[in-house]
Protein backbone atom coordinates (compact mmCIF):
# COMPACT_ATOMS: atom_id res chain seq x y z
CA MET A 1 8.75 4.87 -24.22
CA ILE A 2 10.07 3.64 -20.88
CA ALA A 3 8.02 3.89 -17.64
CA GLY A 4 9.11 1.84 -14.80
CA GLY A 5 11.04 -0.50 -17.11
CA GLN A 6 10.57 -3.62 -15.03
CA SER A 7 9.40 -5.59 -18.00
CA LEU A 8 11.07 -3.76 -20.85
CA THR A 9 14.56 -3.74 -19.37
CA ALA A 10 14.44 -7.39 -18.65
CA LEU A 11 13.40 -8.21 -22.18
CA MET A 12 16.40 -6.07 -23.34
CA ASN A 13 18.75 -7.78 -20.94
CA LEU A 14 17.54 -11.13 -22.58
CA ARG A 15 17.93 -9.60 -26.17
CA LEU A 16 14.24 -10.20 -26.71
CA ALA A 17 13.72 -6.41 -27.29
CA ARG A 18 16.27 -4.02 -29.04
CA PRO A 19 14.78 -0.54 -29.35
CA ASP A 20 17.08 1.98 -30.93
CA HIS A 21 15.99 4.90 -28.54
CA LEU A 22 14.29 5.00 -25.09
CA ILE A 23 12.39 8.04 -23.91
CA ASP A 24 12.04 8.06 -20.09
CA VAL A 25 8.83 9.84 -19.07
CA THR A 26 9.53 9.44 -15.35
CA GLY A 27 10.22 13.08 -14.92
CA VAL A 28 6.72 14.27 -16.24
CA SER A 29 5.15 15.27 -12.93
CA ASP A 30 1.52 15.52 -14.33
CA LEU A 31 1.77 11.63 -14.78
CA HIS A 32 2.28 10.93 -11.18
CA ARG A 33 -0.93 12.27 -9.81
CA ILE A 34 -3.82 10.40 -8.16
CA ALA A 35 -7.18 12.36 -8.11
CA ASP A 36 -10.41 11.34 -6.23
CA ASP A 37 -13.66 13.14 -7.00
CA ALA A 38 -17.41 12.49 -7.73
CA GLN A 39 -16.50 10.93 -11.18
CA GLY A 40 -14.17 8.23 -9.55
CA VAL A 41 -10.43 7.73 -9.15
CA ARG A 42 -8.09 9.12 -11.79
CA ILE A 43 -4.67 7.35 -11.70
CA GLY A 44 -1.76 9.04 -13.67
CA ALA A 45 0.16 6.42 -15.95
CA MET A 46 3.43 7.02 -13.93
CA VAL A 47 2.00 6.34 -10.46
CA THR A 48 4.07 3.51 -9.33
CA GLN A 49 2.16 0.31 -7.95
CA ALA A 50 3.78 0.94 -4.52
CA GLU A 51 2.35 4.51 -4.56
CA ALA A 52 -1.10 3.24 -5.60
CA LEU A 53 -1.08 0.69 -2.88
CA ALA A 54 -0.56 3.43 -0.24
CA ASP A 55 -3.20 5.65 -1.69
CA VAL A 56 -6.44 6.01 0.51
CA ALA A 57 -8.78 6.47 -2.43
CA ILE A 58 -7.64 3.21 -4.04
CA GLY A 59 -7.60 1.20 -0.88
CA ALA A 60 -11.23 2.43 0.10
CA GLU A 61 -13.04 2.76 -3.23
CA LEU A 62 -11.22 0.28 -5.43
CA PRO A 63 -10.45 -2.72 -3.26
CA LEU A 64 -10.37 -5.09 -6.18
CA LEU A 65 -7.74 -2.91 -7.98
CA TRP A 66 -5.74 -2.81 -4.72
CA ALA A 67 -5.89 -6.62 -4.33
CA ALA A 68 -4.66 -6.99 -7.84
CA MET A 69 -1.66 -4.76 -7.33
CA ARG A 70 -0.68 -6.65 -4.17
CA GLN A 71 -0.12 -9.63 -6.30
CA ILE A 72 2.33 -7.95 -8.72
CA GLY A 73 5.82 -9.09 -8.24
CA HIS A 74 7.48 -7.97 -5.00
CA THR A 75 8.06 -4.77 -3.17
CA HIS A 76 11.38 -4.12 -5.34
CA ILE A 77 9.39 -4.45 -8.47
CA ARG A 78 6.27 -2.42 -7.30
CA ASN A 79 8.59 0.44 -6.21
CA ARG A 80 9.50 0.89 -9.88
CA GLY A 81 6.78 -0.71 -11.87
CA THR A 82 4.04 1.88 -12.96
CA VAL A 83 0.33 1.39 -13.19
CA GLY A 84 0.35 2.60 -16.88
CA GLY A 85 3.43 0.64 -17.80
CA SER A 86 1.81 -2.73 -16.81
CA ILE A 87 -1.47 -1.77 -18.80
CA VAL A 88 0.49 -0.79 -21.95
CA HIS A 89 2.74 -3.94 -21.72
CA ALA A 90 -0.50 -5.91 -21.94
CA ASP A 91 1.03 -9.25 -20.67
CA PRO A 92 -1.97 -11.74 -20.90
CA ALA A 93 -1.19 -12.94 -17.38
CA ALA A 94 -0.76 -9.55 -15.79
CA GLU A 95 -3.13 -8.53 -12.96
CA LEU A 96 -3.85 -4.94 -13.83
CA PRO A 97 -5.37 -5.61 -17.37
CA VAL A 98 -7.71 -8.08 -15.60
CA ALA A 99 -8.58 -5.58 -12.99
CA ALA A 100 -9.01 -2.73 -15.63
CA LEU A 101 -11.41 -4.87 -17.58
CA ALA A 102 -13.48 -5.94 -14.61
CA LEU A 103 -13.74 -2.34 -13.47
CA ASP A 104 -14.66 -0.97 -17.03
CA ALA A 105 -11.62 1.41 -16.73
CA GLU A 106 -11.01 4.24 -19.43
CA MET A 107 -7.67 4.72 -20.86
CA VAL A 108 -6.76 8.26 -21.48
CA VAL A 109 -4.28 8.59 -24.30
CA VAL A 110 -2.76 11.66 -25.96
CA SER A 111 -0.88 12.46 -29.22
CA ALA A 112 0.02 15.65 -31.33
CA ALA A 113 -3.55 15.39 -32.54
CA GLY A 114 -5.22 15.60 -29.23
CA ARG A 115 -6.74 13.43 -26.49
CA ARG A 116 -9.07 10.43 -26.41
CA THR A 117 -10.30 7.76 -24.19
CA ILE A 118 -10.35 4.11 -24.95
CA GLN A 119 -12.56 1.66 -22.99
CA ALA A 120 -10.61 -1.31 -21.38
CA ALA A 121 -12.72 -3.73 -23.54
CA ASP A 122 -11.36 -2.09 -26.70
CA PHE A 123 -7.78 -1.49 -25.48
CA PHE A 124 -6.27 -4.93 -25.21
CA ASP A 125 -5.84 -6.51 -28.73
CA GLY A 126 -3.69 -9.65 -27.93
CA PRO A 127 -0.41 -10.76 -26.37
CA PHE A 128 1.62 -7.66 -25.70
CA MET A 129 -0.68 -5.63 -28.12
CA THR A 130 -2.89 -2.71 -27.55
CA SER A 131 -4.98 -0.40 -29.57
CA LEU A 132 -2.59 2.53 -29.06
CA ALA A 133 -1.57 4.16 -32.24
CA PRO A 134 2.33 4.47 -32.77
CA ASN A 135 2.21 8.14 -32.03
CA GLU A 136 -0.03 7.92 -28.87
CA LEU A 137 1.01 7.89 -25.18
CA LEU A 138 -1.13 6.54 -22.31
CA VAL A 139 -1.35 9.24 -19.69
CA GLY A 140 -3.84 7.93 -17.30
CA LEU A 141 -6.72 5.60 -16.16
CA ASN A 142 -10.08 6.55 -14.98
CA PHE A 143 -11.88 4.13 -12.61
CA LYS A 144 -15.44 4.63 -11.17
CA ASP A 145 -15.85 4.00 -7.44
CA MET A 146 -16.86 0.42 -7.09
CA GLY A 147 -19.69 1.38 -4.98
CA SER A 148 -21.02 3.94 -7.26
CA ARG A 149 -23.96 1.72 -8.34
CA ARG A 150 -24.99 0.98 -4.85
CA ASP A 151 -28.01 2.30 -3.09
CA GLU A 152 -30.36 1.03 -0.37
CA ASP A 153 -31.74 -1.47 -2.69
CA HIS A 154 -28.42 -2.77 -4.08
CA TYR A 155 -25.16 -3.93 -2.90
CA VAL A 156 -21.75 -5.08 -4.53
CA GLU A 157 -19.49 -8.01 -3.89
CA TRP A 158 -16.20 -8.72 -5.50
CA GLY A 159 -13.32 -11.29 -5.51
CA PHE A 160 -9.78 -11.58 -6.83
CA GLU A 161 -7.86 -14.91 -7.09
CA GLU A 162 -4.47 -15.88 -8.62
CA LEU A 163 -2.41 -18.95 -8.90
CA SER A 164 1.35 -18.73 -9.26
CA ARG A 165 4.06 -21.18 -8.25
CA ARG A 166 5.13 -18.84 -5.46
CA ARG A 167 3.91 -15.34 -4.64
CA GLY A 168 5.22 -12.76 -6.98
CA ASP A 169 5.83 -15.05 -9.92
CA PHE A 170 3.99 -14.79 -13.17
CA ALA A 171 0.51 -15.96 -12.72
CA THR A 172 -0.66 -19.27 -14.21
CA ALA A 173 -4.33 -18.02 -14.11
CA VAL A 174 -6.05 -14.92 -12.75
CA VAL A 175 -9.70 -14.23 -11.90
CA ALA A 176 -11.63 -11.10 -11.02
CA THR A 177 -15.29 -11.03 -10.33
CA ILE A 178 -17.82 -8.34 -9.32
CA VAL A 179 -21.38 -9.20 -8.59
CA TRP A 180 -24.27 -6.76 -8.08
CA ARG A 181 -27.34 -7.87 -5.99
CA ASP A 182 -30.66 -6.31 -5.32
CA ILE A 183 -32.61 -6.27 -1.96
CA ASP A 184 -33.96 -9.73 -2.60
CA ASP A 185 -30.50 -10.99 -3.00
CA GLN A 186 -30.85 -11.50 -6.72
CA VAL A 187 -27.84 -11.01 -9.22
CA THR A 188 -28.67 -7.98 -11.48
CA ASP A 189 -25.33 -7.71 -13.14
CA ALA A 190 -21.86 -9.53 -13.08
CA ARG A 191 -18.33 -9.36 -14.25
CA VAL A 192 -16.16 -12.33 -14.61
CA VAL A 193 -12.63 -11.69 -16.07
CA LEU A 194 -9.86 -14.03 -16.62
CA GLY A 195 -6.16 -13.70 -17.30
CA GLY A 196 -3.49 -16.20 -18.26
CA VAL A 197 -5.80 -18.44 -20.19
CA ALA A 198 -6.08 -16.60 -23.53
CA GLY A 199 -4.04 -14.11 -25.57
CA LYS A 200 -5.39 -11.31 -23.47
CA ALA A 201 -7.59 -10.55 -20.36
CA VAL A 202 -11.19 -11.79 -21.38
CA ARG A 203 -14.54 -11.40 -20.00
CA SER A 204 -16.71 -14.54 -19.75
CA SER A 205 -20.14 -13.71 -20.78
CA ALA A 206 -21.20 -17.31 -20.24
CA ALA A 207 -20.31 -17.10 -16.68
CA GLU A 208 -21.92 -13.81 -16.20
CA GLN A 209 -25.14 -14.92 -17.75
CA ALA A 210 -25.01 -18.12 -15.47
CA LEU A 211 -25.07 -15.74 -12.59
CA ILE A 212 -27.67 -13.01 -13.52
CA GLY A 213 -31.12 -13.66 -12.24
CA THR A 214 -30.09 -16.13 -9.71
CA SER A 215 -29.53 -15.87 -5.89
CA GLY A 216 -25.79 -16.21 -6.53
CA SER A 217 -24.30 -18.93 -4.42
CA ASP A 218 -26.36 -21.70 -5.76
CA ALA A 219 -25.24 -20.80 -9.31
CA HIS A 220 -21.56 -20.31 -8.51
CA PRO A 221 -20.48 -23.87 -9.51
CA ALA A 222 -22.40 -23.50 -12.92
CA ALA A 223 -20.93 -20.04 -13.55
CA ALA A 224 -17.34 -21.31 -12.77
CA ALA A 225 -17.79 -24.08 -15.15
CA ALA A 226 -19.34 -21.82 -17.83
CA SER A 227 -16.19 -19.70 -17.70
CA ARG A 228 -14.25 -22.42 -19.66
CA ALA A 229 -16.42 -21.55 -22.72
CA ASP A 230 -14.77 -18.18 -23.15
CA ILE A 231 -10.96 -19.08 -22.80
CA SER A 232 -8.39 -20.47 -24.99
CA PRO A 233 -5.46 -21.49 -22.91
CA LYS A 234 -2.12 -22.71 -24.41
CA THR A 235 0.40 -25.31 -23.17
CA ASP A 236 3.74 -23.95 -22.20
CA VAL A 237 6.60 -24.82 -19.93
CA HIS A 238 4.72 -23.70 -17.01
CA ALA A 239 1.36 -25.57 -17.47
CA THR A 240 -0.67 -27.49 -19.98
CA ALA A 241 -3.85 -26.02 -21.46
CA ASP A 242 -6.03 -28.41 -19.71
CA TYR A 243 -4.59 -27.52 -16.32
CA ARG A 244 -5.02 -23.72 -16.99
CA SER A 245 -8.70 -24.62 -17.89
CA ASP A 246 -9.21 -26.39 -14.66
CA MET A 247 -7.62 -23.67 -12.65
CA ALA A 248 -9.75 -21.01 -14.35
CA GLU A 249 -12.89 -22.85 -13.17
CA VAL A 250 -11.45 -23.29 -9.61
CA LEU A 251 -10.36 -19.86 -9.17
CA THR A 252 -13.62 -18.35 -10.54
CA LEU A 253 -15.48 -20.45 -8.05
CA ARG A 254 -13.15 -19.18 -5.25
CA SER A 255 -13.54 -15.51 -6.42
CA LEU A 256 -17.26 -15.75 -6.47
CA ARG A 257 -17.40 -17.45 -2.95
CA SER A 258 -14.93 -14.95 -1.39
CA ALA A 259 -17.84 -12.26 -1.60
CA ASN A 260 -15.78 -9.26 -0.34
CA PRO A 261 -17.86 -6.03 0.31
CA VAL A 262 -16.84 -2.80 -1.21
CA ALA A 263 -14.89 -1.40 1.63
CA PRO A 264 -11.23 -0.71 2.50
CA HIS A 265 -9.42 -3.92 1.77
CA PRO A 266 -8.78 -5.78 5.10
CA GLU A 267 -4.92 -5.53 4.54
CA PHE A 268 -4.96 -2.01 3.44
CA THR A 269 -2.76 0.57 5.21
CA ASP A 270 -1.72 3.87 4.10
CA ALA A 271 1.61 3.75 6.03
CA SER A 272 4.19 5.16 3.59
CA HIS A 273 7.87 5.01 3.40
CA PRO A 274 9.90 7.25 5.63
CA GLU A 275 10.73 10.80 4.51
CA LEU A 276 13.02 10.43 1.38
CA VAL A 277 15.94 12.46 0.46
CA THR A 278 15.17 14.85 -2.45
CA VAL A 279 17.99 15.80 -4.80
CA ALA A 280 17.43 18.38 -7.47
CA ALA A 281 17.12 16.84 -10.76
CA GLY A 282 19.14 17.96 -14.03
CA THR A 283 22.30 18.17 -12.06
CA GLY A 284 24.24 15.62 -14.09
CA SER A 285 25.10 13.81 -10.96
CA THR A 286 23.61 11.44 -8.24
CA ILE A 287 24.48 10.67 -4.63
CA VAL A 288 26.04 7.25 -4.14
CA ASN A 289 26.44 6.30 -0.33
CA ASN A 290 26.46 10.06 0.61
CA GLU A 291 28.96 10.98 -2.03
CA THR A 292 28.18 13.04 -5.18
CA ARG A 293 28.99 11.04 -8.43
CA SER A 294 28.94 12.44 -11.97
CA ILE A 295 26.91 10.48 -14.48
CA GLU A 296 27.92 12.74 -17.37
CA GLY A 297 29.26 10.79 -20.33
CA ILE A 298 27.87 7.40 -19.09
CA ASP A 299 26.83 5.14 -22.03
CA HIS A 300 23.00 5.46 -21.91
CA ARG A 301 22.82 1.68 -22.36
CA ARG A 302 24.78 1.07 -19.19
CA LEU A 303 22.82 -0.70 -16.47
CA LEU A 304 22.97 0.74 -12.96
CA ALA A 305 24.27 -2.53 -11.58
CA ASP A 306 27.15 -2.46 -14.05
CA TRP A 307 27.99 1.21 -13.35
CA LEU A 308 27.98 0.64 -9.50
CA ARG A 309 30.26 -2.48 -9.94
CA GLU A 310 32.52 -1.66 -12.72
CA ASP A 311 32.97 2.08 -12.49
CA LEU A 312 32.44 2.79 -8.72
CA ARG A 313 33.87 -0.59 -7.75
CA LEU A 314 30.86 -1.15 -5.31
CA THR A 315 30.97 -4.94 -5.78
CA GLY A 316 28.55 -5.78 -2.94
CA THR A 317 25.90 -5.24 -5.46
CA HIS A 318 25.82 -8.72 -7.01
CA LEU A 319 24.43 -9.82 -10.37
CA GLY A 320 22.55 -13.07 -10.76
CA CYS A 321 19.61 -13.48 -13.13
CA GLU A 322 19.61 -10.10 -14.73
CA HIS A 323 15.92 -10.06 -15.32
CA GLY A 324 14.62 -8.98 -11.93
CA VAL A 325 13.95 -12.34 -10.29
CA CYS A 326 16.66 -13.26 -7.77
CA GLY A 327 17.05 -9.88 -5.96
CA ALA A 328 20.93 -10.06 -5.63
CA CYS A 329 21.30 -6.69 -7.28
CA THR A 330 19.01 -4.83 -4.89
CA VAL A 331 20.05 -1.35 -3.94
CA LEU A 332 18.03 1.32 -2.24
CA LEU A 333 16.86 4.30 -4.58
CA ASP A 334 15.82 7.28 -2.50
CA GLY A 335 15.44 4.78 0.44
CA ARG A 336 13.52 2.22 -1.41
CA PRO A 337 14.60 -1.33 -2.60
CA VAL A 338 14.91 -1.61 -6.33
CA ARG A 339 16.52 -4.01 -8.91
CA SER A 340 19.62 -2.27 -10.28
CA CYS A 341 19.69 -4.80 -13.12
CA LEU A 342 16.43 -3.32 -14.48
CA MET A 343 17.59 0.31 -14.43
CA PHE A 344 19.96 2.35 -16.51
CA ALA A 345 22.50 4.42 -14.76
CA ALA A 346 21.24 7.43 -16.70
CA GLN A 347 17.99 7.24 -14.91
CA VAL A 348 19.35 7.90 -11.57
CA GLU A 349 20.19 11.46 -12.23
CA GLY A 350 19.23 13.72 -9.17
CA ARG A 351 18.37 10.55 -7.11
CA GLU A 352 20.28 8.91 -4.09
CA ILE A 353 21.62 5.44 -4.10
CA THR A 354 22.39 3.30 -1.17
CA THR A 355 24.56 0.16 -1.58
CA ILE A 356 25.51 -2.51 0.98
CA GLU A 357 28.84 -0.74 1.38
CA ALA A 358 27.08 2.26 3.20
CA LEU A 359 25.64 0.01 6.02
CA GLY A 360 28.76 -1.01 8.18
CA THR A 361 32.41 -1.78 8.13
CA PRO A 362 34.22 -5.10 8.91
CA GLN A 363 35.15 -3.36 12.31
CA LYS A 364 31.64 -2.13 13.13
CA LEU A 365 28.85 -4.00 11.44
CA HIS A 366 25.40 -2.57 11.01
CA PRO A 367 22.95 -4.19 13.35
CA LEU A 368 21.23 -6.17 10.52
CA GLN A 369 24.75 -7.37 9.35
CA GLU A 370 25.53 -8.42 12.94
CA ALA A 371 22.09 -10.13 13.27
CA PHE A 372 22.72 -12.13 10.07
CA ARG A 373 26.22 -13.18 11.39
CA SER A 374 25.24 -14.17 14.82
CA HIS A 375 22.10 -16.00 13.70
CA HIS A 376 23.80 -17.78 10.73
CA GLY A 377 21.44 -16.10 8.21
CA LEU A 378 24.18 -16.45 5.38
CA GLN A 379 26.34 -19.11 3.86
CA CYS A 380 28.08 -18.00 0.65
CA GLY A 381 26.87 -14.47 1.05
CA PHE A 382 26.01 -13.95 -2.48
CA CYS A 383 22.37 -13.08 -1.88
CA THR A 384 23.03 -11.40 1.47
CA PRO A 385 23.62 -7.72 0.47
CA GLY A 386 20.18 -7.79 -1.28
CA MET A 387 18.52 -9.43 1.76
CA VAL A 388 20.10 -6.95 4.15
CA LEU A 389 18.99 -4.01 2.15
CA THR A 390 15.48 -5.31 1.64
CA ALA A 391 15.22 -5.87 5.43
CA ARG A 392 16.54 -2.53 6.28
CA ASP A 393 13.56 -1.04 4.15
CA LEU A 394 11.19 -3.19 5.92
CA LEU A 395 12.34 -2.23 9.32
CA SER A 396 12.19 1.27 8.45
CA ARG A 397 8.44 0.99 7.59
CA ILE A 398 7.38 -1.66 10.11
CA PRO A 399 9.78 -1.69 13.07
CA ASN A 400 8.15 -4.70 14.67
CA PRO A 401 7.12 -6.95 11.81
CA THR A 402 5.65 -10.33 12.10
CA GLU A 403 7.25 -13.61 10.63
CA GLN A 404 4.72 -13.47 7.77
CA GLN A 405 5.63 -9.96 6.89
CA ILE A 406 9.21 -10.68 6.81
CA ARG A 407 8.58 -13.77 4.60
CA GLU A 408 6.36 -11.83 2.18
CA GLU A 409 9.03 -8.83 1.86
CA LEU A 410 12.10 -11.19 1.44
CA SER A 411 10.08 -13.37 -1.02
CA GLY A 412 11.70 -11.22 -3.78
CA ASN A 413 15.18 -12.23 -2.66
CA ILE A 414 16.32 -15.79 -3.59
CA CYS A 415 18.91 -17.53 -1.52
CA ARG A 416 20.18 -20.77 -3.14
CA CYS A 417 22.17 -22.28 -0.19
CA THR A 418 20.47 -21.73 3.08
CA GLY A 419 16.96 -22.29 4.26
CA TYR A 420 15.05 -19.17 4.98
CA THR A 421 14.41 -20.04 8.53
CA LYS A 422 17.64 -18.58 9.79
CA ILE A 423 17.23 -15.47 7.48
CA VAL A 424 13.90 -14.73 8.97
CA GLU A 425 15.46 -15.30 12.57
CA SER A 426 18.00 -12.71 11.74
CA VAL A 427 15.54 -10.11 10.68
CA LEU A 428 13.34 -10.77 13.79
CA ALA A 429 16.54 -10.60 16.06
CA ALA A 430 17.38 -7.27 14.41
CA ALA A 431 13.79 -5.87 14.99
CA ASP A 432 13.96 -6.97 18.55
CA GLU A 433 17.24 -5.23 19.03
CA GLY A 434 15.85 -2.09 17.45
CA GLN A 435 12.92 -2.18 19.74
CA ARG A 436 15.25 -2.45 22.83
């Protein structure tokens, strides 16, 4: 099964996975729904991380889950990556398994034999392994409102901390904490969950027991130290086992001290993307730069980037890493930036693609292109098409962004020959021109 494919396609590009067949479940509409009722929030497996981040119920009732999803990759990845796909992939360092375990999520799975639910504590078996049977499909996740155990005598605090080399990279260590307190400020229950420091996301019962019955803050250092008892980190090219253990303790302490109340996350906004062009599915074609293109007969293994470059000769779409890191292959899919090296051409049937060739001409540059030219935001130009398309999406959603917002949005596009200062200045100049 392929959902968003942001991990699976990268593994296939690197020849680490070689499935004989893929079944794309993107078109199953029932898997794209988010429901909020008295029982909590139910998220369909095919809801993208970007859609979940824009949902009011998740932002308000599940701020820990919202904070976890904000750390996943970059905008390009979250536009395609799905909640269910990340859960099933079961990467030991991934954010969503950590959040699901901390929030006692239920996984809803179906097969020809029927439907069943699996608790998060029983779902993750090891690195990239789950308790799903070969004939089962994850269709959704059930989360209880984080404040459902609150009353006038109790309140809840949470924290989520992650360490990575730069924002959007794979995590070296991840920690999620939830603490329940009574009216006397005593801890009555706690969750401490760690990722990146064992073969799967793990709860630290030692850290939780160090918190329960205390006033909390005085016990934070002891609880953080106790978290080491439940982890088994490995040394790899990114970090030593000792370093991961140290970071697990440090991040646990930070997460406990952050003490966020259960309320809409401070960064939460339900500002969505602009109205997207809808094309009827099942047409055997797609729209590329406002022109209908047939995808009949395309080899199903052909990547979208290769189809654009080699068949349509739209060579402004560049190929760099081919596993979703550099951003050089960025195109707009229905108006949203995606990695074209992590999609198959067959997956864009009934969708609309925009490449850099649609933005301007040598005689009349698009304002963003002109801003990059006049403010020296490019050198060799290899990364520039992806940068410009990413910036176009940003300015369509946030017409007057801050420098920090620009840096965060462009962090998924690597430039190897300029500093980023001129690139940021170019986008700020384009925003200013747009405002005027």
